[in-house]
Amino acid sequence: MGDVVKVKKWAYDPEVLIERMHMTRRRRKVYVALEDLDLIFDERDLPEIIRMWEDGLALTDIARSFKRDPDEITCLIMSLARENRIRPRIVGAYGRRRR
C-alpha cells in the first residue's frame, strides 16, 4: 500500500494513444480525411441504396432519399464497388436525375 504508480502522460491523450497503437509509420502531424462525414450506414438501408444505384438514380437523389450528404453516398458507393457488391453503370457515377 502507498505505492505510487506513474502513468505516462500519453496514456490519457487519445490522439497520442491511437498513434502509438495503430500507426505503422511515424508522422509529424495526423490528418484525418473526411472526418466531417458520417460514413456509418444501417445495413437495412443498403438493399434500397443498391437498387437505386442499379436503377441509375443520381447520387444526389439517393442522398436526398436518405437525408445524407451526397459525399457520404459517394463513399458508400465506392466501398460497395470495391467489395464487388455493385457494378459500374451505363449512366455513370452521377446517374440520371429524378423527374
PDB file of N, CA and C in Angstrom:
ATOM      1  N   MET A   1       0.822  -1.166   0.000  1.00  0.00           N
ATOM      2  CA  MET A   1       0.000   0.000   0.000  1.00  0.00           C
ATOM      3  C   MET A   1       0.876   1.243   0.000  1.00  0.00           C
ATOM      4  N   GLY A   2       0.342   2.286  -0.547  1.00  0.00           N
ATOM      5  CA  GLY A   2       1.110   3.506  -0.563  1.00  0.00           C
ATOM      6  C   GLY A   2       2.028   3.606  -1.759  1.00  0.00           C
ATOM      7  N   ASP A   3       2.079   2.571  -2.601  1.00  0.00           N
ATOM      8  CA  ASP A   3       2.922   2.632  -3.798  1.00  0.00           C
ATOM      9  C   ASP A   3       2.359   3.654  -4.770  1.00  0.00           C
ATOM     10  N   VAL A   4       3.228   4.404  -5.375  1.00  0.00           N
ATOM     11  CA  VAL A   4       2.829   5.402  -6.350  1.00  0.00           C
ATOM     12  C   VAL A   4       3.020   4.795  -7.735  1.00  0.00           C
ATOM     13  N   VAL A   5       1.950   4.800  -8.511  1.00  0.00           N
ATOM     14  CA  VAL A   5       2.011   4.269  -9.864  1.00  0.00           C
ATOM     15  C   VAL A   5       2.122   5.458 -10.808  1.00  0.00           C
ATOM     16  N   LYS A   6       3.182   5.465 -11.585  1.00  0.00           N
ATOM     17  CA  LYS A   6       3.354   6.541 -12.551  1.00  0.00           C
ATOM     18  C   LYS A   6       2.664   6.144 -13.849  1.00  0.00           C
ATOM     19  N   VAL A   7       1.803   7.016 -14.339  1.00  0.00           N
ATOM     20  CA  VAL A   7       1.110   6.787 -15.600  1.00  0.00           C
ATOM     21  C   VAL A   7       1.710   7.740 -16.617  1.00  0.00           C
ATOM     22  N   LYS A   8       2.083   7.176 -17.750  1.00  0.00           N
ATOM     23  CA  LYS A   8       2.668   8.020 -18.788  1.00  0.00           C
ATOM     24  C   LYS A   8       1.637   9.037 -19.262  1.00  0.00           C
ATOM     25  N   LYS A   9       2.115  10.230 -19.536  1.00  0.00           N
ATOM     26  CA  LYS A   9       1.240  11.336 -19.931  1.00  0.00           C
ATOM     27  C   LYS A   9       0.409  10.984 -21.159  1.00  0.00           C
ATOM     28  N   TRP A  10       0.987  10.253 -22.118  1.00  0.00           N
ATOM     29  CA  TRP A  10       0.285   9.941 -23.354  1.00  0.00           C
ATOM     30  C   TRP A  10      -0.871   8.976 -23.151  1.00  0.00           C
ATOM     31  N   ALA A  11      -0.921   8.288 -22.039  1.00  0.00           N
ATOM     32  CA  ALA A  11      -1.981   7.303 -21.802  1.00  0.00           C
ATOM     33  C   ALA A  11      -3.353   7.957 -21.745  1.00  0.00           C
ATOM     34  N   TYR A  12      -3.406   9.275 -21.467  1.00  0.00           N
ATOM     35  CA  TYR A  12      -4.684   9.965 -21.377  1.00  0.00           C
ATOM     36  C   TYR A  12      -4.985  10.822 -22.599  1.00  0.00           C
ATOM     37  N   ASP A  13      -4.069  10.903 -23.541  1.00  0.00           N
ATOM     38  CA  ASP A  13      -4.251  11.704 -24.745  1.00  0.00           C
ATOM     39  C   ASP A  13      -4.689  10.763 -25.869  1.00  0.00           C
ATOM     40  N   PRO A  14      -5.972  10.800 -26.264  1.00  0.00           N
ATOM     41  CA  PRO A  14      -6.469   9.851 -27.258  1.00  0.00           C
ATOM     42  C   PRO A  14      -5.695   9.869 -28.577  1.00  0.00           C
ATOM     43  N   GLU A  15      -5.322  11.054 -29.052  1.00  0.00           N
ATOM     44  CA  GLU A  15      -4.604  11.127 -30.322  1.00  0.00           C
ATOM     45  C   GLU A  15      -3.258  10.424 -30.232  1.00  0.00           C
ATOM     46  N   VAL A  16      -2.542  10.658 -29.153  1.00  0.00           N
ATOM     47  CA  VAL A  16      -1.228  10.028 -28.976  1.00  0.00           C
ATOM     48  C   VAL A  16      -1.411   8.528 -28.784  1.00  0.00           C
ATOM     49  N   LEU A  17      -2.408   8.142 -28.022  1.00  0.00           N
ATOM     50  CA  LEU A  17      -2.668   6.721 -27.786  1.00  0.00           C
ATOM     51  C   LEU A  17      -2.975   6.001 -29.096  1.00  0.00           C
ATOM     52  N   ILE A  18      -3.826   6.592 -29.925  1.00  0.00           N
ATOM     53  CA  ILE A  18      -4.163   5.993 -31.222  1.00  0.00           C
ATOM     54  C   ILE A  18      -2.911   5.889 -32.088  1.00  0.00           C
ATOM     55  N   GLU A  19      -2.115   6.946 -32.122  1.00  0.00           N
ATOM     56  CA  GLU A  19      -0.881   6.910 -32.907  1.00  0.00           C
ATOM     57  C   GLU A  19       0.020   5.784 -32.453  1.00  0.00           C
ATOM     58  N   ARG A  20       0.226   5.654 -31.166  1.00  0.00           N
ATOM     59  CA  ARG A  20       1.132   4.628 -30.640  1.00  0.00           C
ATOM     60  C   ARG A  20       0.606   3.214 -30.897  1.00  0.00           C
ATOM     61  N   MET A  21      -0.711   3.041 -30.854  1.00  0.00           N
ATOM     62  CA  MET A  21      -1.280   1.705 -31.014  1.00  0.00           C
ATOM     63  C   MET A  21      -1.477   1.300 -32.467  1.00  0.00           C
ATOM     64  N   HIS A  22      -1.798   2.251 -33.355  1.00  0.00           N
ATOM     65  CA  HIS A  22      -2.250   1.879 -34.688  1.00  0.00           C
ATOM     66  C   HIS A  22      -1.410   2.413 -35.840  1.00  0.00           C
ATOM     67  N   MET A  23      -0.631   3.407 -35.613  1.00  0.00           N
ATOM     68  CA  MET A  23       0.117   3.986 -36.713  1.00  0.00           C
ATOM     69  C   MET A  23       1.350   3.122 -36.989  1.00  0.00           C
ATOM     70  N   THR A  24       1.542   2.769 -38.244  1.00  0.00           N
ATOM     71  CA  THR A  24       2.678   1.924 -38.601  1.00  0.00           C
ATOM     72  C   THR A  24       3.888   2.746 -39.023  1.00  0.00           C
ATOM     73  N   ARG A  25       3.662   4.000 -39.382  1.00  0.00           N
ATOM     74  CA  ARG A  25       4.756   4.890 -39.765  1.00  0.00           C
ATOM     75  C   ARG A  25       4.699   6.145 -38.913  1.00  0.00           C
ATOM     76  N   ARG A  26       5.840   6.683 -38.624  1.00  0.00           N
ATOM     77  CA  ARG A  26       5.890   7.944 -37.874  1.00  0.00           C
ATOM     78  C   ARG A  26       5.428   9.078 -38.772  1.00  0.00           C
ATOM     79  N   ARG A  27       4.634   9.952 -38.222  1.00  0.00           N
ATOM     80  CA  ARG A  27       4.158  11.120 -38.937  1.00  0.00           C
ATOM     81  C   ARG A  27       4.369  12.337 -38.061  1.00  0.00           C
ATOM     82  N   ARG A  28       4.563  13.472 -38.687  1.00  0.00           N
ATOM     83  CA  ARG A  28       4.732  14.701 -37.924  1.00  0.00           C
ATOM     84  C   ARG A  28       3.395  15.194 -37.386  1.00  0.00           C
ATOM     85  N   LYS A  29       2.369  15.131 -38.224  1.00  0.00           N
ATOM     86  CA  LYS A  29       1.048  15.594 -37.824  1.00  0.00           C
ATOM     87  C   LYS A  29       0.016  14.723 -38.545  1.00  0.00           C
ATOM     88  N   VAL A  30      -1.015  14.339 -37.845  1.00  0.00           N
ATOM     89  CA  VAL A  30      -2.025  13.449 -38.404  1.00  0.00           C
ATOM     90  C   VAL A  30      -3.149  14.266 -39.028  1.00  0.00           C
ATOM     91  N   TYR A  31      -3.564  13.890 -40.231  1.00  0.00           N
ATOM     92  CA  TYR A  31      -4.713  14.488 -40.909  1.00  0.00           C
ATOM     93  C   TYR A  31      -5.729  13.374 -41.119  1.00  0.00           C
ATOM     94  N   VAL A  32      -6.921  13.534 -40.613  1.00  0.00           N
ATOM     95  CA  VAL A  32      -7.976  12.540 -40.778  1.00  0.00           C
ATOM     96  C   VAL A  32      -8.877  13.008 -41.916  1.00  0.00           C
ATOM     97  N   ALA A  33      -8.866  12.263 -43.008  1.00  0.00           N
ATOM     98  CA  ALA A  33      -9.676  12.624 -44.173  1.00  0.00           C
ATOM     99  C   ALA A  33     -11.151  12.352 -43.901  1.00  0.00           C
ATOM    100  N   LEU A  34     -11.990  13.249 -44.362  1.00  0.00           N
ATOM    101  CA  LEU A  34     -13.443  13.102 -44.338  1.00  0.00           C
ATOM    102  C   LEU A  34     -14.036  12.948 -42.938  1.00  0.00           C
ATOM    103  N   GLU A  35     -13.364  13.471 -41.937  1.00  0.00           N
ATOM    104  CA  GLU A  35     -13.864  13.298 -40.574  1.00  0.00           C
ATOM    105  C   GLU A  35     -15.184  14.024 -40.331  1.00  0.00           C
ATOM    106  N   ASP A  36     -15.534  14.949 -41.222  1.00  0.00           N
ATOM    107  CA  ASP A  36     -16.804  15.657 -41.069  1.00  0.00           C
ATOM    108  C   ASP A  36     -17.980  14.882 -41.657  1.00  0.00           C
ATOM    109  N   LEU A  37     -17.695  13.749 -42.311  1.00  0.00           N
ATOM    110  CA  LEU A  37     -18.765  12.938 -42.901  1.00  0.00           C
ATOM    111  C   LEU A  37     -19.152  11.796 -41.974  1.00  0.00           C
ATOM    112  N   ASP A  38     -20.407  11.383 -42.067  1.00  0.00           N
ATOM    113  CA  ASP A  38     -20.905  10.227 -41.328  1.00  0.00           C
ATOM    114  C   ASP A  38     -20.851   9.044 -42.288  1.00  0.00           C
ATOM    115  N   LEU A  39     -19.859   8.187 -42.118  1.00  0.00           N
ATOM    116  CA  LEU A  39     -19.677   7.066 -43.042  1.00  0.00           C
ATOM    117  C   LEU A  39     -20.156   5.744 -42.448  1.00  0.00           C
ATOM    118  N   ILE A  40     -21.057   5.832 -41.490  1.00  0.00           N
ATOM    119  CA  ILE A  40     -21.679   4.648 -40.897  1.00  0.00           C
ATOM    120  C   ILE A  40     -23.080   4.527 -41.497  1.00  0.00           C
ATOM    121  N   PHE A  41     -23.397   3.345 -42.016  1.00  0.00           N
ATOM    122  CA  PHE A  41     -24.686   3.120 -42.660  1.00  0.00           C
ATOM    123  C   PHE A  41     -25.398   1.943 -42.015  1.00  0.00           C
ATOM    124  N   ASP A  42     -26.709   2.036 -41.975  1.00  0.00           N
ATOM    125  CA  ASP A  42     -27.538   0.947 -41.468  1.00  0.00           C
ATOM    126  C   ASP A  42     -27.623  -0.126 -42.548  1.00  0.00           C
ATOM    127  N   GLU A  43     -27.302  -1.363 -42.193  1.00  0.00           N
ATOM    128  CA  GLU A  43     -27.342  -2.478 -43.152  1.00  0.00           C
ATOM    129  C   GLU A  43     -28.711  -2.601 -43.819  1.00  0.00           C
ATOM    130  N   ARG A  44     -29.766  -2.237 -43.092  1.00  0.00           N
ATOM    131  CA  ARG A  44     -31.118  -2.354 -43.655  1.00  0.00           C
ATOM    132  C   ARG A  44     -31.337  -1.402 -44.827  1.00  0.00           C
ATOM    133  N   ASP A  45     -30.549  -0.318 -44.903  1.00  0.00           N
ATOM    134  CA  ASP A  45     -30.694   0.652 -45.995  1.00  0.00           C
ATOM    135  C   ASP A  45     -29.949   0.230 -47.262  1.00  0.00           C
ATOM    136  N   LEU A  46     -28.983  -0.659 -47.124  1.00  0.00           N
ATOM    137  CA  LEU A  46     -28.135  -1.000 -48.269  1.00  0.00           C
ATOM    138  C   LEU A  46     -28.887  -1.596 -49.457  1.00  0.00           C
ATOM    139  N   PRO A  47     -29.823  -2.535 -49.267  1.00  0.00           N
ATOM    140  CA  PRO A  47     -30.532  -3.058 -50.442  1.00  0.00           C
ATOM    141  C   PRO A  47     -31.249  -1.972 -51.244  1.00  0.00           C
ATOM    142  N   GLU A  48     -31.858  -0.999 -50.562  1.00  0.00           N
ATOM    143  CA  GLU A  48     -32.565   0.084 -51.252  1.00  0.00           C
ATOM    144  C   GLU A  48     -31.571   1.007 -51.964  1.00  0.00           C
ATOM    145  N   ILE A  49     -30.457   1.302 -51.325  1.00  0.00           N
ATOM    146  CA  ILE A  49     -29.434   2.137 -51.963  1.00  0.00           C
ATOM    147  C   ILE A  49     -28.864   1.430 -53.186  1.00  0.00           C
ATOM    148  N   ILE A  50     -28.602   0.140 -53.078  1.00  0.00           N
ATOM    149  CA  ILE A  50     -28.095  -0.640 -54.218  1.00  0.00           C
ATOM    150  C   ILE A  50     -29.126  -0.658 -55.343  1.00  0.00           C
ATOM    151  N   ARG A  51     -30.413  -0.840 -55.004  1.00  0.00           N
ATOM    152  CA  ARG A  51     -31.461  -0.841 -56.024  1.00  0.00           C
ATOM    153  C   ARG A  51     -31.517   0.509 -56.739  1.00  0.00           C
ATOM    154  N   MET A  52     -31.438   1.588 -55.975  1.00  0.00           N
ATOM    155  CA  MET A  52     -31.470   2.926 -56.569  1.00  0.00           C
ATOM    156  C   MET A  52     -30.261   3.133 -57.481  1.00  0.00           C
ATOM    157  N   TRP A  53     -29.095   2.655 -57.051  1.00  0.00           N
ATOM    158  CA  TRP A  53     -27.889   2.736 -57.871  1.00  0.00           C
ATOM    159  C   TRP A  53     -28.091   1.971 -59.176  1.00  0.00           C
ATOM    160  N   GLU A  54     -28.592   0.735 -59.059  1.00  0.00           N
ATOM    161  CA  GLU A  54     -28.800  -0.105 -60.244  1.00  0.00           C
ATOM    162  C   GLU A  54     -29.865   0.471 -61.169  1.00  0.00           C
ATOM    163  N   ASP A  55     -30.832   1.205 -60.613  1.00  0.00           N
ATOM    164  CA  ASP A  55     -31.858   1.864 -61.428  1.00  0.00           C
ATOM    165  C   ASP A  55     -31.320   3.116 -62.114  1.00  0.00           C
ATOM    166  N   GLY A  56     -30.094   3.510 -61.782  1.00  0.00           N
ATOM    167  CA  GLY A  56     -29.463   4.643 -62.441  1.00  0.00           C
ATOM    168  C   GLY A  56     -29.756   5.997 -61.841  1.00  0.00           C
ATOM    169  N   LEU A  57     -30.304   6.025 -60.609  1.00  0.00           N
ATOM    170  CA  LEU A  57     -30.616   7.313 -59.989  1.00  0.00           C
ATOM    171  C   LEU A  57     -29.349   8.090 -59.657  1.00  0.00           C
ATOM    172  N   ALA A  58     -29.469   9.408 -59.696  1.00  0.00           N
ATOM    173  CA  ALA A  58     -28.339  10.292 -59.387  1.00  0.00           C
ATOM    174  C   ALA A  58     -27.943  10.151 -57.920  1.00  0.00           C
ATOM    175  N   LEU A  59     -26.656  10.292 -57.651  1.00  0.00           N
ATOM    176  CA  LEU A  59     -26.164  10.232 -56.274  1.00  0.00           C
ATOM    177  C   LEU A  59     -26.866  11.255 -55.390  1.00  0.00           C
ATOM    178  N   THR A  60     -27.141  12.418 -55.939  1.00  0.00           N
ATOM    179  CA  THR A  60     -27.823  13.451 -55.146  1.00  0.00           C
ATOM    180  C   THR A  60     -29.244  13.031 -54.776  1.00  0.00           C
ATOM    181  N   ASP A  61     -29.920  12.324 -55.683  1.00  0.00           N
ATOM    182  CA  ASP A  61     -31.271  11.847 -55.385  1.00  0.00           C
ATOM    183  C   ASP A  61     -31.250  10.735 -54.333  1.00  0.00           C
ATOM    184  N   ILE A  62     -30.265   9.853 -54.427  1.00  0.00           N
ATOM    185  CA  ILE A  62     -30.129   8.794 -53.418  1.00  0.00           C
ATOM    186  C   ILE A  62     -29.855   9.441 -52.062  1.00  0.00           C
ATOM    187  N   ALA A  63     -28.953  10.406 -52.045  1.00  0.00           N
ATOM    188  CA  ALA A  63     -28.615  11.098 -50.791  1.00  0.00           C
ATOM    189  C   ALA A  63     -29.833  11.786 -50.195  1.00  0.00           C
ATOM    190  N   ARG A  64     -30.603  12.464 -51.027  1.00  0.00           N
ATOM    191  CA  ARG A  64     -31.795  13.161 -50.551  1.00  0.00           C
ATOM    192  C   ARG A  64     -32.798  12.168 -49.957  1.00  0.00           C
ATOM    193  N   SER A  65     -32.948  11.008 -50.577  1.00  0.00           N
ATOM    194  CA  SER A  65     -33.895   9.995 -50.088  1.00  0.00           C
ATOM    195  C   SER A  65     -33.545   9.507 -48.682  1.00  0.00           C
ATOM    196  N   PHE A  66     -32.261   9.499 -48.371  1.00  0.00           N
ATOM    197  CA  PHE A  66     -31.810   9.006 -47.070  1.00  0.00           C
ATOM    198  C   PHE A  66     -31.354  10.133 -46.137  1.00  0.00           C
ATOM    199  N   LYS A  67     -31.612  11.384 -46.569  1.00  0.00           N
ATOM    200  CA  LYS A  67     -31.219  12.561 -45.778  1.00  0.00           C
ATOM    201  C   LYS A  67     -29.735  12.504 -45.413  1.00  0.00           C
ATOM    202  N   ARG A  68     -28.914  12.235 -46.433  1.00  0.00           N
ATOM    203  CA  ARG A  68     -27.467  12.129 -46.253  1.00  0.00           C
ATOM    204  C   ARG A  68     -26.762  13.110 -47.169  1.00  0.00           C
ATOM    205  N   ASP A  69     -25.525  13.419 -46.833  1.00  0.00           N
ATOM    206  CA  ASP A  69     -24.665  14.238 -47.678  1.00  0.00           C
ATOM    207  C   ASP A  69     -24.314  13.413 -48.928  1.00  0.00           C
ATOM    208  N   PRO A  70     -24.380  13.996 -50.124  1.00  0.00           N
ATOM    209  CA  PRO A  70     -24.030  13.240 -51.337  1.00  0.00           C
ATOM    210  C   PRO A  70     -22.624  12.636 -51.274  1.00  0.00           C
ATOM    211  N   ASP A  71     -21.708  13.296 -50.588  1.00  0.00           N
ATOM    212  CA  ASP A  71     -20.353  12.740 -50.451  1.00  0.00           C
ATOM    213  C   ASP A  71     -20.358  11.458 -49.628  1.00  0.00           C
ATOM    214  N   GLU A  72     -21.254  11.352 -48.659  1.00  0.00           N
ATOM    215  CA  GLU A  72     -21.356  10.120 -47.870  1.00  0.00           C
ATOM    216  C   GLU A  72     -21.834   8.965 -48.743  1.00  0.00           C
ATOM    217  N   ILE A  73     -22.826   9.236 -49.596  1.00  0.00           N
ATOM    218  CA  ILE A  73     -23.324   8.207 -50.514  1.00  0.00           C
ATOM    219  C   ILE A  73     -22.233   7.832 -51.524  1.00  0.00           C
ATOM    220  N   THR A  74     -21.482   8.822 -51.984  1.00  0.00           N
ATOM    221  CA  THR A  74     -20.389   8.550 -52.916  1.00  0.00           C
ATOM    222  C   THR A  74     -19.372   7.608 -52.282  1.00  0.00           C
ATOM    223  N   CYS A  75     -19.014   7.854 -51.033  1.00  0.00           N
ATOM    224  CA  CYS A  75     -18.067   6.972 -50.340  1.00  0.00           C
ATOM    225  C   CYS A  75     -18.641   5.567 -50.175  1.00  0.00           C
ATOM    226  N   LEU A  76     -19.937   5.483 -49.866  1.00  0.00           N
ATOM    227  CA  LEU A  76     -20.580   4.172 -49.748  1.00  0.00           C
ATOM    228  C   LEU A  76     -20.539   3.440 -51.083  1.00  0.00           C
ATOM    229  N   ILE A  77     -20.851   4.134 -52.171  1.00  0.00           N
ATOM    230  CA  ILE A  77     -20.842   3.520 -53.494  1.00  0.00           C
ATOM    231  C   ILE A  77     -19.439   3.010 -53.830  1.00  0.00           C
ATOM    232  N   MET A  78     -18.417   3.804 -53.515  1.00  0.00           N
ATOM    233  CA  MET A  78     -17.037   3.360 -53.766  1.00  0.00           C
ATOM    234  C   MET A  78     -16.731   2.097 -52.955  1.00  0.00           C
ATOM    235  N   SER A  79     -17.178   2.056 -51.716  1.00  0.00           N
ATOM    236  CA  SER A  79     -16.949   0.893 -50.864  1.00  0.00           C
ATOM    237  C   SER A  79     -17.657  -0.342 -51.422  1.00  0.00           C
ATOM    238  N   LEU A  80     -18.916  -0.177 -51.813  1.00  0.00           N
ATOM    239  CA  LEU A  80     -19.674  -1.301 -52.373  1.00  0.00           C
ATOM    240  C   LEU A  80     -19.044  -1.800 -53.674  1.00  0.00           C
ATOM    241  N   ALA A  81     -18.534  -0.882 -54.482  1.00  0.00           N
ATOM    242  CA  ALA A  81     -17.876  -1.273 -55.737  1.00  0.00           C
ATOM    243  C   ALA A  81     -16.586  -2.038 -55.456  1.00  0.00           C
ATOM    244  N   ARG A  82     -15.818  -1.594 -54.482  1.00  0.00           N
ATOM    245  CA  ARG A  82     -14.569  -2.285 -54.130  1.00  0.00           C
ATOM    246  C   ARG A  82     -14.844  -3.697 -53.623  1.00  0.00           C
ATOM    247  N   GLU A  83     -16.014  -3.884 -52.997  1.00  0.00           N
ATOM    248  CA  GLU A  83     -16.412  -5.206 -52.482  1.00  0.00           C
ATOM    249  C   GLU A  83     -17.150  -6.023 -53.540  1.00  0.00           C
ATOM    250  N   ASN A  84     -17.242  -5.492 -54.763  1.00  0.00           N
ATOM    251  CA  ASN A  84     -17.949  -6.147 -55.870  1.00  0.00           C
ATOM    252  C   ASN A  84     -19.425  -6.396 -55.563  1.00  0.00           C
ATOM    253  N   ARG A  85     -20.035  -5.524 -54.754  1.00  0.00           N
ATOM    254  CA  ARG A  85     -21.463  -5.642 -54.458  1.00  0.00           C
ATOM    255  C   ARG A  85     -22.299  -4.847 -55.451  1.00  0.00           C
ATOM    256  N   ILE A  86     -21.660  -3.928 -56.176  1.00  0.00           N
ATOM    257  CA  ILE A  86     -22.305  -3.201 -57.265  1.00  0.00           C
ATOM    258  C   ILE A  86     -21.324  -3.114 -58.422  1.00  0.00           C
ATOM    259  N   ARG A  87     -21.857  -2.792 -59.589  1.00  0.00           N
ATOM    260  CA  ARG A  87     -21.022  -2.667 -60.792  1.00  0.00           C
ATOM    261  C   ARG A  87     -21.153  -1.265 -61.360  1.00  0.00           C
ATOM    262  N   PRO A  88     -20.167  -0.889 -62.178  1.00  0.00           N
ATOM    263  CA  PRO A  88     -20.303   0.404 -62.865  1.00  0.00           C
ATOM    264  C   PRO A  88     -21.592   0.395 -63.689  1.00  0.00           C
ATOM    265  N   ARG A  89     -22.139   1.575 -63.936  1.00  0.00           N
ATOM    266  CA  ARG A  89     -23.393   1.633 -64.681  1.00  0.00           C
ATOM    267  C   ARG A  89     -23.234   2.509 -65.920  1.00  0.00           C
ATOM    268  N   ILE A  90     -24.084   2.271 -66.880  1.00  0.00           N
ATOM    269  CA  ILE A  90     -24.022   2.965 -68.169  1.00  0.00           C
ATOM    270  C   ILE A  90     -24.173   4.467 -67.994  1.00  0.00           C
ATOM    271  N   VAL A  91     -25.037   4.903 -67.094  1.00  0.00           N
ATOM    272  CA  VAL A  91     -25.285   6.334 -66.913  1.00  0.00           C
ATOM    273  C   VAL A  91     -24.188   7.012 -66.101  1.00  0.00           C
ATOM    274  N   GLY A  92     -23.161   6.272 -65.696  1.00  0.00           N
ATOM    275  CA  GLY A  92     -22.028   6.844 -64.977  1.00  0.00           C
ATOM    276  C   GLY A  92     -22.290   7.016 -63.493  1.00  0.00           C
ATOM    277  N   ALA A  93     -21.321   7.557 -62.820  1.00  0.00           N
ATOM    278  CA  ALA A  93     -21.395   7.710 -61.359  1.00  0.00           C
ATOM    279  C   ALA A  93     -22.497   8.675 -60.949  1.00  0.00           C
ATOM    280  N   TYR A  94     -22.699   9.750 -61.706  1.00  0.00           N
ATOM    281  CA  TYR A  94     -23.683  10.739 -61.305  1.00  0.00           C
ATOM    282  C   TYR A  94     -25.112  10.300 -61.582  1.00  0.00           C
ATOM    283  N   GLY A  95     -25.323   9.451 -62.575  1.00  0.00           N
ATOM    284  CA  GLY A  95     -26.647   8.913 -62.848  1.00  0.00           C
ATOM    285  C   GLY A  95     -27.576   9.915 -63.494  1.00  0.00           C
ATOM    286  N   ARG A  96     -28.844   9.528 -63.531  1.00  0.00           N
ATOM    287  CA  ARG A  96     -29.856  10.405 -64.122  1.00  0.00           C
ATOM    288  C   ARG A  96     -30.712  10.980 -62.992  1.00  0.00           C
ATOM    289  N   ARG A  97     -31.152  12.198 -63.181  1.00  0.00           N
ATOM    290  CA  ARG A  97     -31.960  12.881 -62.181  1.00  0.00           C
ATOM    291  C   ARG A  97     -33.396  12.385 -62.197  1.00  0.00           C
ATOM    292  N   ARG A  98     -34.030  12.397 -61.036  1.00  0.00           N
ATOM    293  CA  ARG A  98     -35.462  12.089 -60.947  1.00  0.00           C
ATOM    294  C   ARG A  98     -36.228  13.216 -61.608  1.00  0.00           C
ATOM    295  N   ARG A  99     -37.384  12.909 -62.123  1.00  0.00           N
ATOM    296  CA  ARG A  99     -38.217  13.949 -62.736  1.00  0.00           C
ATOM    297  C   ARG A  99     -39.356  14.314 -61.861  1.00  0.00           C
TER     298      ARG A  99
END
